Amino acid sequence: METKRKNDITPLAEAATLVEYCPLCDATFHPKTVSVIGGIEHTQLIHTTCTSCGSSVVVLLLVSEAGLRSVGFLTDLTEQDAARLQHLPSVASDDVLELYRMLEDNRFPAGA
């Protein structure tokens, strides 16, 4: 069996190993459930689902000169949802304000 030398492992691949434990039930994530959804340069978007409790986690990993940073959150997104949604435009602050106004005024578009 061939093993990789430490120098052959990229910082992002090494960082992906940090997604080890489920934040809800503390079970170990199975490596086959950890998927790299996308990435640009020094970032990776990772999705995993716990085989014990079924919860899903999306993690954004960033490797910089300052070190490794990560932001993770529990989600109900599947791996396919996360991959599809990462390419949609960001929600702008004006969009949030418009939704707030609609809720305040109890007005919604037809069919909503």
PDB file of N, CA and C in Angstrom:
ATOM      1  N   MET A   1       0.840  -1.180   0.000  1.00  0.00           N
ATOM      2  CA  MET A   1       0.000   0.000   0.000  1.00  0.00           C
ATOM      3  C   MET A   1       0.884   1.242   0.000  1.00  0.00           C
ATOM      4  N   GLU A   2       0.606   2.161  -0.891  1.00  0.00           N
ATOM      5  CA  GLU A   2       1.406   3.367  -1.017  1.00  0.00           C
ATOM      6  C   GLU A   2       0.880   4.451  -0.080  1.00  0.00           C
ATOM      7  N   THR A   3       1.767   5.081   0.632  1.00  0.00           N
ATOM      8  CA  THR A   3       1.360   6.163   1.519  1.00  0.00           C
ATOM      9  C   THR A   3       1.913   7.468   0.992  1.00  0.00           C
ATOM     10  N   LYS A   4       1.211   8.547   1.278  1.00  0.00           N
ATOM     11  CA  LYS A   4       1.665   9.863   0.848  1.00  0.00           C
ATOM     12  C   LYS A   4       2.612  10.446   1.874  1.00  0.00           C
ATOM     13  N   ARG A   5       3.643  11.062   1.383  1.00  0.00           N
ATOM     14  CA  ARG A   5       4.536  11.780   2.282  1.00  0.00           C
ATOM     15  C   ARG A   5       3.849  13.056   2.721  1.00  0.00           C
ATOM     16  N   LYS A   6       4.229  13.577   3.859  1.00  0.00           N
ATOM     17  CA  LYS A   6       3.646  14.796   4.414  1.00  0.00           C
ATOM     18  C   LYS A   6       3.688  15.935   3.397  1.00  0.00           C
ATOM     19  N   ASN A   7       4.778  16.058   2.644  1.00  0.00           N
ATOM     20  CA  ASN A   7       4.926  17.153   1.676  1.00  0.00           C
ATOM     21  C   ASN A   7       3.996  17.006   0.482  1.00  0.00           C
ATOM     22  N   ASP A   8       3.466  15.792   0.234  1.00  0.00           N
ATOM     23  CA  ASP A   8       2.569  15.571  -0.893  1.00  0.00           C
ATOM     24  C   ASP A   8       1.133  15.973  -0.578  1.00  0.00           C
ATOM     25  N   ILE A   9       0.833  16.224   0.670  1.00  0.00           N
ATOM     26  CA  ILE A   9      -0.527  16.569   1.080  1.00  0.00           C
ATOM     27  C   ILE A   9      -0.669  18.086   1.088  1.00  0.00           C
ATOM     28  N   THR A  10      -1.658  18.592   0.334  1.00  0.00           N
ATOM     29  CA  THR A  10      -1.865  20.035   0.279  1.00  0.00           C
ATOM     30  C   THR A  10      -2.451  20.518   1.603  1.00  0.00           C
ATOM     31  N   PRO A  11      -2.224  21.795   1.941  1.00  0.00           N
ATOM     32  CA  PRO A  11      -2.804  22.319   3.188  1.00  0.00           C
ATOM     33  C   PRO A  11      -4.320  22.178   3.227  1.00  0.00           C
ATOM     34  N   LEU A  12      -4.994  22.353   2.071  1.00  0.00           N
ATOM     35  CA  LEU A  12      -6.453  22.232   2.068  1.00  0.00           C
ATOM     36  C   LEU A  12      -6.895  20.788   2.282  1.00  0.00           C
ATOM     37  N   ALA A  13      -6.180  19.840   1.703  1.00  0.00           N
ATOM     38  CA  ALA A  13      -6.532  18.432   1.931  1.00  0.00           C
ATOM     39  C   ALA A  13      -6.313  18.070   3.391  1.00  0.00           C
ATOM     40  N   GLU A  14      -5.253  18.587   3.967  1.00  0.00           N
ATOM     41  CA  GLU A  14      -4.989  18.351   5.378  1.00  0.00           C
ATOM     42  C   GLU A  14      -6.068  19.009   6.235  1.00  0.00           C
ATOM     43  N   ALA A  15      -6.500  20.212   5.832  1.00  0.00           N
ATOM     44  CA  ALA A  15      -7.532  20.928   6.581  1.00  0.00           C
ATOM     45  C   ALA A  15      -8.857  20.188   6.542  1.00  0.00           C
ATOM     46  N   ALA A  16      -9.118  19.495   5.444  1.00  0.00           N
ATOM     47  CA  ALA A  16     -10.379  18.763   5.326  1.00  0.00           C
ATOM     48  C   ALA A  16     -10.495  17.682   6.386  1.00  0.00           C
ATOM     49  N   THR A  17      -9.371  17.213   6.902  1.00  0.00           N
ATOM     50  CA  THR A  17      -9.419  16.196   7.946  1.00  0.00           C
ATOM     51  C   THR A  17      -9.929  16.769   9.259  1.00  0.00           C
ATOM     52  N   LEU A  18     -10.042  18.103   9.369  1.00  0.00           N
ATOM     53  CA  LEU A  18     -10.566  18.720  10.587  1.00  0.00           C
ATOM     54  C   LEU A  18     -12.064  18.483  10.740  1.00  0.00           C
ATOM     55  N   VAL A  19     -12.734  18.140   9.648  1.00  0.00           N
ATOM     56  CA  VAL A  19     -14.163  17.862   9.696  1.00  0.00           C
ATOM     57  C   VAL A  19     -14.301  16.412  10.147  1.00  0.00           C
ATOM     58  N   GLU A  20     -14.121  16.197  11.447  1.00  0.00           N
ATOM     59  CA  GLU A  20     -14.072  14.837  11.973  1.00  0.00           C
ATOM     60  C   GLU A  20     -15.294  14.419  12.760  1.00  0.00           C
ATOM     61  N   TYR A  21     -15.837  15.335  13.579  1.00  0.00           N
ATOM     62  CA  TYR A  21     -16.884  14.947  14.524  1.00  0.00           C
ATOM     63  C   TYR A  21     -18.167  15.719  14.283  1.00  0.00           C
ATOM     64  N   CYS A  22     -19.273  15.031  14.452  1.00  0.00           N
ATOM     65  CA  CYS A  22     -20.591  15.643  14.329  1.00  0.00           C
ATOM     66  C   CYS A  22     -20.805  16.590  15.512  1.00  0.00           C
ATOM     67  N   PRO A  23     -21.221  17.832  15.260  1.00  0.00           N
ATOM     68  CA  PRO A  23     -21.439  18.763  16.359  1.00  0.00           C
ATOM     69  C   PRO A  23     -22.681  18.430  17.193  1.00  0.00           C
ATOM     70  N   LEU A  24     -23.560  17.581  16.683  1.00  0.00           N
ATOM     71  CA  LEU A  24     -24.766  17.226  17.441  1.00  0.00           C
ATOM     72  C   LEU A  24     -24.590  15.986  18.303  1.00  0.00           C
ATOM     73  N   CYS A  25     -24.063  14.920  17.708  1.00  0.00           N
ATOM     74  CA  CYS A  25     -23.982  13.661  18.469  1.00  0.00           C
ATOM     75  C   CYS A  25     -22.551  13.230  18.769  1.00  0.00           C
ATOM     76  N   ASP A  26     -21.578  13.967  18.279  1.00  0.00           N
ATOM     77  CA  ASP A  26     -20.156  13.727  18.529  1.00  0.00           C
ATOM     78  C   ASP A  26     -19.632  12.439  17.883  1.00  0.00           C
ATOM     79  N   ALA A  27     -20.411  11.864  16.970  1.00  0.00           N
ATOM     80  CA  ALA A  27     -19.938  10.677  16.256  1.00  0.00           C
ATOM     81  C   ALA A  27     -18.872  11.095  15.246  1.00  0.00           C
ATOM     82  N   THR A  28     -18.004  10.180  14.896  1.00  0.00           N
ATOM     83  CA  THR A  28     -16.972  10.450  13.905  1.00  0.00           C
ATOM     84  C   THR A  28     -17.592  10.378  12.518  1.00  0.00           C
ATOM     85  N   PHE A  29     -17.326  11.410  11.702  1.00  0.00           N
ATOM     86  CA  PHE A  29     -17.803  11.384  10.321  1.00  0.00           C
ATOM     87  C   PHE A  29     -17.042  10.314   9.554  1.00  0.00           C
ATOM     88  N   HIS A  30     -17.751   9.565   8.752  1.00  0.00           N
ATOM     89  CA  HIS A  30     -17.116   8.565   7.904  1.00  0.00           C
ATOM     90  C   HIS A  30     -16.461   9.301   6.735  1.00  0.00           C
ATOM     91  N   PRO A  31     -15.206   8.994   6.400  1.00  0.00           N
ATOM     92  CA  PRO A  31     -14.512   9.714   5.324  1.00  0.00           C
ATOM     93  C   PRO A  31     -15.271   9.722   3.999  1.00  0.00           C
ATOM     94  N   LYS A  32     -16.055   8.691   3.724  1.00  0.00           N
ATOM     95  CA  LYS A  32     -16.802   8.644   2.465  1.00  0.00           C
ATOM     96  C   LYS A  32     -17.951   9.644   2.433  1.00  0.00           C
ATOM     97  N   THR A  33     -18.335  10.199   3.590  1.00  0.00           N
ATOM     98  CA  THR A  33     -19.426  11.173   3.607  1.00  0.00           C
ATOM     99  C   THR A  33     -18.909  12.603   3.511  1.00  0.00           C
ATOM    100  N   VAL A  34     -17.592  12.798   3.546  1.00  0.00           N
ATOM    101  CA  VAL A  34     -17.007  14.134   3.448  1.00  0.00           C
ATOM    102  C   VAL A  34     -16.702  14.412   1.992  1.00  0.00           C
ATOM    103  N   SER A  35     -17.338  15.464   1.437  1.00  0.00           N
ATOM    104  CA  SER A  35     -17.166  15.805   0.026  1.00  0.00           C
ATOM    105  C   SER A  35     -16.709  17.240  -0.126  1.00  0.00           C
ATOM    106  N   VAL A  36     -15.721  17.442  -0.974  1.00  0.00           N
ATOM    107  CA  VAL A  36     -15.319  18.795  -1.333  1.00  0.00           C
ATOM    108  C   VAL A  36     -16.245  19.223  -2.456  1.00  0.00           C
ATOM    109  N   ILE A  37     -17.066  20.237  -2.178  1.00  0.00           N
ATOM    110  CA  ILE A  37     -18.065  20.697  -3.133  1.00  0.00           C
ATOM    111  C   ILE A  37     -17.460  21.656  -4.142  1.00  0.00           C
ATOM    112  N   GLY A  38     -16.539  22.463  -3.680  1.00  0.00           N
ATOM    113  CA  GLY A  38     -15.911  23.428  -4.575  1.00  0.00           C
ATOM    114  C   GLY A  38     -14.799  24.146  -3.857  1.00  0.00           C
ATOM    115  N   GLY A  39     -14.137  24.986  -4.588  1.00  0.00           N
ATOM    116  CA  GLY A  39     -13.062  25.749  -3.994  1.00  0.00           C
ATOM    117  C   GLY A  39     -12.418  26.662  -5.008  1.00  0.00           C
ATOM    118  N   ILE A  40     -11.826  27.703  -4.500  1.00  0.00           N
ATOM    119  CA  ILE A  40     -11.089  28.655  -5.317  1.00  0.00           C
ATOM    120  C   ILE A  40      -9.794  28.959  -4.587  1.00  0.00           C
ATOM    121  N   GLU A  41      -8.687  28.767  -5.267  1.00  0.00           N
ATOM    122  CA  GLU A  41      -7.352  29.030  -4.724  1.00  0.00           C
ATOM    123  C   GLU A  41      -7.165  28.416  -3.350  1.00  0.00           C
ATOM    124  N   HIS A  42      -7.209  29.198  -2.300  1.00  0.00           N
ATOM    125  CA  HIS A  42      -6.900  28.712  -0.951  1.00  0.00           C
ATOM    126  C   HIS A  42      -8.146  28.447  -0.103  1.00  0.00           C
ATOM    127  N   THR A  43      -9.272  28.178  -0.756  1.00  0.00           N
ATOM    128  CA  THR A  43     -10.500  27.890  -0.010  1.00  0.00           C
ATOM    129  C   THR A  43     -11.120  26.587  -0.501  1.00  0.00           C
ATOM    130  N   GLN A  44     -11.856  25.953   0.377  1.00  0.00           N
ATOM    131  CA  GLN A  44     -12.636  24.774   0.016  1.00  0.00           C
ATOM    132  C   GLN A  44     -13.974  24.837   0.726  1.00  0.00           C
ATOM    133  N   LEU A  45     -15.011  24.417   0.019  1.00  0.00           N
ATOM    134  CA  LEU A  45     -16.332  24.259   0.599  1.00  0.00           C
ATOM    135  C   LEU A  45     -16.565  22.763   0.740  1.00  0.00           C
ATOM    136  N   ILE A  46     -16.836  22.334   1.965  1.00  0.00           N
ATOM    137  CA  ILE A  46     -16.948  20.915   2.280  1.00  0.00           C
ATOM    138  C   ILE A  46     -18.327  20.619   2.850  1.00  0.00           C
ATOM    139  N   HIS A  47     -18.894  19.496   2.460  1.00  0.00           N
ATOM    140  CA  HIS A  47     -20.192  19.048   2.978  1.00  0.00           C
ATOM    141  C   HIS A  47     -20.014  17.641   3.531  1.00  0.00           C
ATOM    142  N   THR A  48     -20.657  17.364   4.641  1.00  0.00           N
ATOM    143  CA  THR A  48     -20.649  16.013   5.196  1.00  0.00           C
ATOM    144  C   THR A  48     -21.963  15.754   5.919  1.00  0.00           C
ATOM    145  N   THR A  49     -22.333  14.492   5.976  1.00  0.00           N
ATOM    146  CA  THR A  49     -23.544  14.073   6.675  1.00  0.00           C
ATOM    147  C   THR A  49     -23.176  12.989   7.676  1.00  0.00           C
ATOM    148  N   CYS A  50     -23.669  13.144   8.883  1.00  0.00           N
ATOM    149  CA  CYS A  50     -23.397  12.176   9.953  1.00  0.00           C
ATOM    150  C   CYS A  50     -24.200  10.904   9.703  1.00  0.00           C
ATOM    151  N   THR A  51     -23.513   9.770   9.724  1.00  0.00           N
ATOM    152  CA  THR A  51     -24.205   8.494   9.517  1.00  0.00           C
ATOM    153  C   THR A  51     -24.964   8.047  10.765  1.00  0.00           C
ATOM    154  N   SER A  52     -24.660   8.656  11.928  1.00  0.00           N
ATOM    155  CA  SER A  52     -25.356   8.287  13.162  1.00  0.00           C
ATOM    156  C   SER A  52     -26.672   9.025  13.334  1.00  0.00           C
ATOM    157  N   CYS A  53     -26.644  10.369  13.222  1.00  0.00           N
ATOM    158  CA  CYS A  53     -27.859  11.152  13.487  1.00  0.00           C
ATOM    159  C   CYS A  53     -28.460  11.795  12.241  1.00  0.00           C
ATOM    160  N   GLY A  54     -27.737  11.766  11.115  1.00  0.00           N
ATOM    161  CA  GLY A  54     -28.284  12.297   9.871  1.00  0.00           C
ATOM    162  C   GLY A  54     -28.118  13.790   9.676  1.00  0.00           C
ATOM    163  N   SER A  55     -27.497  14.480  10.631  1.00  0.00           N
ATOM    164  CA  SER A  55     -27.315  15.922  10.470  1.00  0.00           C
ATOM    165  C   SER A  55     -26.228  16.192   9.430  1.00  0.00           C
ATOM    166  N   SER A  56     -26.353  17.331   8.757  1.00  0.00           N
ATOM    167  CA  SER A  56     -25.376  17.719   7.739  1.00  0.00           C
ATOM    168  C   SER A  56     -24.665  18.984   8.166  1.00  0.00           C
ATOM    169  N   VAL A  57     -23.419  19.103   7.730  1.00  0.00           N
ATOM    170  CA  VAL A  57     -22.590  20.253   8.055  1.00  0.00           C
ATOM    171  C   VAL A  57     -21.933  20.743   6.772  1.00  0.00           C
ATOM    172  N   VAL A  58     -21.928  22.059   6.584  1.00  0.00           N
ATOM    173  CA  VAL A  58     -21.180  22.686   5.504  1.00  0.00           C
ATOM    174  C   VAL A  58     -20.080  23.503   6.159  1.00  0.00           C
ATOM    175  N   VAL A  59     -18.854  23.341   5.668  1.00  0.00           N
ATOM    176  CA  VAL A  59     -17.694  24.025   6.236  1.00  0.00           C
ATOM    177  C   VAL A  59     -16.961  24.758   5.121  1.00  0.00           C
ATOM    178  N   LEU A  60     -16.619  26.008   5.368  1.00  0.00           N
ATOM    179  CA  LEU A  60     -15.761  26.772   4.469  1.00  0.00           C
ATOM    180  C   LEU A  60     -14.390  26.832   5.112  1.00  0.00           C
ATOM    181  N   LEU A  61     -13.381  26.303   4.426  1.00  0.00           N
ATOM    182  CA  LEU A  61     -12.015  26.297   4.927  1.00  0.00           C
ATOM    183  C   LEU A  61     -11.178  27.288   4.129  1.00  0.00           C
ATOM    184  N   LEU A  62     -10.361  28.051   4.819  1.00  0.00           N
ATOM    185  CA  LEU A  62      -9.476  29.029   4.194  1.00  0.00           C
ATOM    186  C   LEU A  62      -8.086  28.848   4.758  1.00  0.00           C
ATOM    187  N   VAL A  63      -7.121  28.658   3.877  1.00  0.00           N
ATOM    188  CA  VAL A  63      -5.725  28.555   4.287  1.00  0.00           C
ATOM    189  C   VAL A  63      -5.023  29.824   3.847  1.00  0.00           C
ATOM    190  N   SER A  64      -4.405  30.514   4.798  1.00  0.00           N
ATOM    191  CA  SER A  64      -3.675  31.736   4.489  1.00  0.00           C
ATOM    192  C   SER A  64      -2.360  31.734   5.246  1.00  0.00           C
ATOM    193  N   GLU A  65      -1.586  32.785   5.051  1.00  0.00           N
ATOM    194  CA  GLU A  65      -0.321  32.904   5.780  1.00  0.00           C
ATOM    195  C   GLU A  65      -0.552  32.966   7.286  1.00  0.00           C
ATOM    196  N   ALA A  66      -1.723  33.453   7.684  1.00  0.00           N
ATOM    197  CA  ALA A  66      -2.062  33.552   9.104  1.00  0.00           C
ATOM    198  C   ALA A  66      -2.461  32.202   9.692  1.00  0.00           C
ATOM    199  N   GLY A  67      -2.663  31.206   8.837  1.00  0.00           N
ATOM    200  CA  GLY A  67      -3.051  29.879   9.320  1.00  0.00           C
ATOM    201  C   GLY A  67      -4.349  29.421   8.706  1.00  0.00           C
ATOM    202  N   LEU A  68      -4.947  28.445   9.323  1.00  0.00           N
ATOM    203  CA  LEU A  68      -6.186  27.846   8.852  1.00  0.00           C
ATOM    204  C   LEU A  68      -7.372  28.491   9.559  1.00  0.00           C
ATOM    205  N   ARG A  69      -8.370  28.843   8.776  1.00  0.00           N
ATOM    206  CA  ARG A  69      -9.612  29.376   9.345  1.00  0.00           C
ATOM    207  C   ARG A  69     -10.760  28.547   8.793  1.00  0.00           C
ATOM    208  N   SER A  70     -11.769  28.358   9.611  1.00  0.00           N
ATOM    209  CA  SER A  70     -12.930  27.607   9.145  1.00  0.00           C
ATOM    210  C   SER A  70     -14.203  28.197   9.735  1.00  0.00           C
ATOM    211  N   VAL A  71     -15.252  28.102   8.948  1.00  0.00           N
ATOM    212  CA  VAL A  71     -16.586  28.486   9.394  1.00  0.00           C
ATOM    213  C   VAL A  71     -17.486  27.333   9.005  1.00  0.00           C
ATOM    214  N   GLY A  72     -18.166  26.764   9.970  1.00  0.00           N
ATOM    215  CA  GLY A  72     -19.056  25.657   9.699  1.00  0.00           C
ATOM    216  C   GLY A  72     -20.431  25.906  10.253  1.00  0.00           C
ATOM    217  N   PHE A  73     -21.425  25.281   9.634  1.00  0.00           N
ATOM    218  CA  PHE A  73     -22.783  25.425  10.155  1.00  0.00           C
ATOM    219  C   PHE A  73     -23.597  24.177   9.847  1.00  0.00           C
ATOM    220  N   LEU A  74     -24.496  23.887  10.770  1.00  0.00           N
ATOM    221  CA  LEU A  74     -25.454  22.805  10.556  1.00  0.00           C
ATOM    222  C   LEU A  74     -26.427  23.231   9.475  1.00  0.00           C
ATOM    223  N   THR A  75     -26.870  22.290   8.674  1.00  0.00           N
ATOM    224  CA  THR A  75     -27.755  22.633   7.575  1.00  0.00           C
ATOM    225  C   THR A  75     -28.666  21.462   7.246  1.00  0.00           C
ATOM    226  N   ASP A  76     -29.718  21.751   6.509  1.00  0.00           N
ATOM    227  CA  ASP A  76     -30.544  20.676   5.981  1.00  0.00           C
ATOM    228  C   ASP A  76     -30.259  20.467   4.496  1.00  0.00           C
ATOM    229  N   LEU A  77     -29.232  21.153   3.979  1.00  0.00           N
ATOM    230  CA  LEU A  77     -28.862  21.007   2.579  1.00  0.00           C
ATOM    231  C   LEU A  77     -28.216  19.649   2.336  1.00  0.00           C
ATOM    232  N   THR A  78     -28.565  19.049   1.212  1.00  0.00           N
ATOM    233  CA  THR A  78     -27.857  17.860   0.777  1.00  0.00           C
ATOM    234  C   THR A  78     -26.579  18.316   0.080  1.00  0.00           C
ATOM    235  N   GLU A  79     -25.711  17.377  -0.223  1.00  0.00           N
ATOM    236  CA  GLU A  79     -24.484  17.709  -0.959  1.00  0.00           C
ATOM    237  C   GLU A  79     -24.837  18.343  -2.312  1.00  0.00           C
ATOM    238  N   GLN A  80     -25.858  17.803  -2.980  1.00  0.00           N
ATOM    239  CA  GLN A  80     -26.274  18.327  -4.283  1.00  0.00           C
ATOM    240  C   GLN A  80     -26.830  19.743  -4.155  1.00  0.00           C
ATOM    241  N   ASP A  81     -27.621  20.004  -3.096  1.00  0.00           N
ATOM    242  CA  ASP A  81     -28.151  21.356  -2.864  1.00  0.00           C
ATOM    243  C   ASP A  81     -27.018  22.351  -2.673  1.00  0.00           C
ATOM    244  N   ALA A  82     -26.064  21.997  -1.834  1.00  0.00           N
ATOM    245  CA  ALA A  82     -24.949  22.903  -1.540  1.00  0.00           C
ATOM    246  C   ALA A  82     -24.147  23.193  -2.798  1.00  0.00           C
ATOM    247  N   ALA A  83     -23.917  22.178  -3.626  1.00  0.00           N
ATOM    248  CA  ALA A  83     -23.169  22.375  -4.875  1.00  0.00           C
ATOM    249  C   ALA A  83     -23.932  23.302  -5.812  1.00  0.00           C
ATOM    250  N   ARG A  84     -25.244  23.124  -5.904  1.00  0.00           N
ATOM    251  CA  ARG A  84     -26.068  23.948  -6.795  1.00  0.00           C
ATOM    252  C   ARG A  84     -26.155  25.387  -6.300  1.00  0.00           C
ATOM    253  N   LEU A  85     -26.343  25.568  -5.001  1.00  0.00           N
ATOM    254  CA  LEU A  85     -26.561  26.901  -4.447  1.00  0.00           C
ATOM    255  C   LEU A  85     -25.298  27.748  -4.370  1.00  0.00           C
ATOM    256  N   GLN A  86     -24.122  27.132  -4.390  1.00  0.00           N
ATOM    257  CA  GLN A  86     -22.902  27.918  -4.266  1.00  0.00           C
ATOM    258  C   GLN A  86     -22.689  28.850  -5.458  1.00  0.00           C
ATOM    259  N   HIS A  87     -23.356  28.580  -6.577  1.00  0.00           N
ATOM    260  CA  HIS A  87     -23.165  29.389  -7.774  1.00  0.00           C
ATOM    261  C   HIS A  87     -24.226  30.480  -7.939  1.00  0.00           C
ATOM    262  N   LEU A  88     -25.182  30.532  -7.025  1.00  0.00           N
ATOM    263  CA  LEU A  88     -26.206  31.568  -7.089  1.00  0.00           C
ATOM    264  C   LEU A  88     -25.657  32.879  -6.528  1.00  0.00           C
ATOM    265  N   PRO A  89     -26.223  34.007  -6.961  1.00  0.00           N
ATOM    266  CA  PRO A  89     -25.743  35.283  -6.423  1.00  0.00           C
ATOM    267  C   PRO A  89     -26.043  35.409  -4.930  1.00  0.00           C
ATOM    268  N   SER A  90     -25.236  36.188  -4.253  1.00  0.00           N
ATOM    269  CA  SER A  90     -25.419  36.425  -2.820  1.00  0.00           C
ATOM    270  C   SER A  90     -26.700  37.207  -2.574  1.00  0.00           C
ATOM    271  N   VAL A  91     -27.244  37.055  -1.387  1.00  0.00           N
ATOM    272  CA  VAL A  91     -28.405  37.841  -0.992  1.00  0.00           C
ATOM    273  C   VAL A  91     -27.900  39.222  -0.576  1.00  0.00           C
ATOM    274  N   ALA A  92     -28.423  40.238  -1.207  1.00  0.00           N
ATOM    275  CA  ALA A  92     -28.011  41.608  -0.919  1.00  0.00           C
ATOM    276  C   ALA A  92     -28.804  42.151   0.268  1.00  0.00           C
ATOM    277  N   SER A  93     -28.252  43.152   0.920  1.00  0.00           N
ATOM    278  CA  SER A  93     -28.942  43.755   2.059  1.00  0.00           C
ATOM    279  C   SER A  93     -30.283  44.353   1.632  1.00  0.00           C
ATOM    280  N   ASP A  94     -30.356  44.862   0.414  1.00  0.00           N
ATOM    281  CA  ASP A  94     -31.627  45.400  -0.087  1.00  0.00           C
ATOM    282  C   ASP A  94     -32.689  44.303  -0.186  1.00  0.00           C
ATOM    283  N   ASP A  95     -32.273  43.090  -0.539  1.00  0.00           N
ATOM    284  CA  ASP A  95     -33.206  41.964  -0.610  1.00  0.00           C
ATOM    285  C   ASP A  95     -33.780  41.659   0.772  1.00  0.00           C
ATOM    286  N   VAL A  96     -32.933  41.703   1.774  1.00  0.00           N
ATOM    287  CA  VAL A  96     -33.373  41.439   3.145  1.00  0.00           C
ATOM    288  C   VAL A  96     -34.334  42.526   3.606  1.00  0.00           C
ATOM    289  N   LEU A  97     -34.006  43.763   3.312  1.00  0.00           N
ATOM    290  CA  LEU A  97     -34.895  44.871   3.691  1.00  0.00           C
ATOM    291  C   LEU A  97     -36.245  44.774   2.993  1.00  0.00           C
ATOM    292  N   GLU A  98     -36.241  44.393   1.723  1.00  0.00           N
ATOM    293  CA  GLU A  98     -37.496  44.246   0.983  1.00  0.00           C
ATOM    294  C   GLU A  98     -38.348  43.125   1.587  1.00  0.00           C
ATOM    295  N   LEU A  99     -37.737  42.020   1.951  1.00  0.00           N
ATOM    296  CA  LEU A  99     -38.475  40.938   2.598  1.00  0.00           C
ATOM    297  C   LEU A  99     -39.057  41.412   3.921  1.00  0.00           C
ATOM    298  N   TYR A 100     -38.281  42.144   4.696  1.00  0.00           N
ATOM    299  CA  TYR A 100     -38.761  42.693   5.962  1.00  0.00           C
ATOM    300  C   TYR A 100     -39.982  43.582   5.732  1.00  0.00           C
ATOM    301  N   ARG A 101     -39.902  44.460   4.745  1.00  0.00           N
ATOM    302  CA  ARG A 101     -41.035  45.363   4.439  1.00  0.00           C
ATOM    303  C   ARG A 101     -42.270  44.571   4.016  1.00  0.00           C
ATOM    304  N   MET A 102     -42.047  43.532   3.221  1.00  0.00           N
ATOM    305  CA  MET A 102     -43.180  42.706   2.790  1.00  0.00           C
ATOM    306  C   MET A 102     -43.845  42.032   3.983  1.00  0.00           C
ATOM    307  N   LEU A 103     -43.039  41.534   4.902  1.00  0.00           N
ATOM    308  CA  LEU A 103     -43.602  40.896   6.090  1.00  0.00           C
ATOM    309  C   LEU A 103     -44.326  41.904   6.974  1.00  0.00           C
ATOM    310  N   GLU A 104     -43.747  43.074   7.129  1.00  0.00           N
ATOM    311  CA  GLU A 104     -44.375  44.126   7.942  1.00  0.00           C
ATOM    312  C   GLU A 104     -45.699  44.565   7.361  1.00  0.00           C
ATOM    313  N   ASP A 105     -45.761  44.700   6.026  1.00  0.00           N
ATOM    314  CA  ASP A 105     -46.961  45.187   5.341  1.00  0.00           C
ATOM    315  C   ASP A 105     -47.927  44.059   4.989  1.00  0.00           C
ATOM    316  N   ASN A 106     -47.524  42.819   5.320  1.00  0.00           N
ATOM    317  CA  ASN A 106     -48.335  41.648   5.023  1.00  0.00           C
ATOM    318  C   ASN A 106     -48.700  41.589   3.531  1.00  0.00           C
ATOM    319  N   ARG A 107     -47.746  41.909   2.676  1.00  0.00           N
ATOM    320  CA  ARG A 107     -47.963  41.829   1.230  1.00  0.00           C
ATOM    321  C   ARG A 107     -46.973  40.839   0.632  1.00  0.00           C
ATOM    322  N   PHE A 108     -47.509  39.990  -0.209  1.00  0.00           N
ATOM    323  CA  PHE A 108     -46.682  38.961  -0.835  1.00  0.00           C
ATOM    324  C   PHE A 108     -47.039  38.884  -2.311  1.00  0.00           C
ATOM    325  N   PRO A 109     -46.068  38.534  -3.145  1.00  0.00           N
ATOM    326  CA  PRO A 109     -46.361  38.396  -4.585  1.00  0.00           C
ATOM    327  C   PRO A 109     -47.382  37.290  -4.817  1.00  0.00           C
ATOM    328  N   ALA A 110     -48.116  37.392  -5.912  1.00  0.00           N
ATOM    329  CA  ALA A 110     -49.102  36.364  -6.259  1.00  0.00           C
ATOM    330  C   ALA A 110     -48.418  35.017  -6.381  1.00  0.00           C
ATOM    331  N   GLY A 111     -49.045  33.994  -5.833  1.00  0.00           N
ATOM    332  CA  GLY A 111     -48.507  32.642  -5.909  1.00  0.00           C
ATOM    333  C   GLY A 111     -47.529  32.298  -4.802  1.00  0.00           C
ATOM    334  N   ALA A 112     -47.264  33.232  -3.905  1.00  0.00           N
ATOM    335  CA  ALA A 112     -46.294  32.950  -2.826  1.00  0.00           C
ATOM    336  C   ALA A 112     -46.979  32.289  -1.651  1.00  0.00           C
TER     337      ALA A 112
END
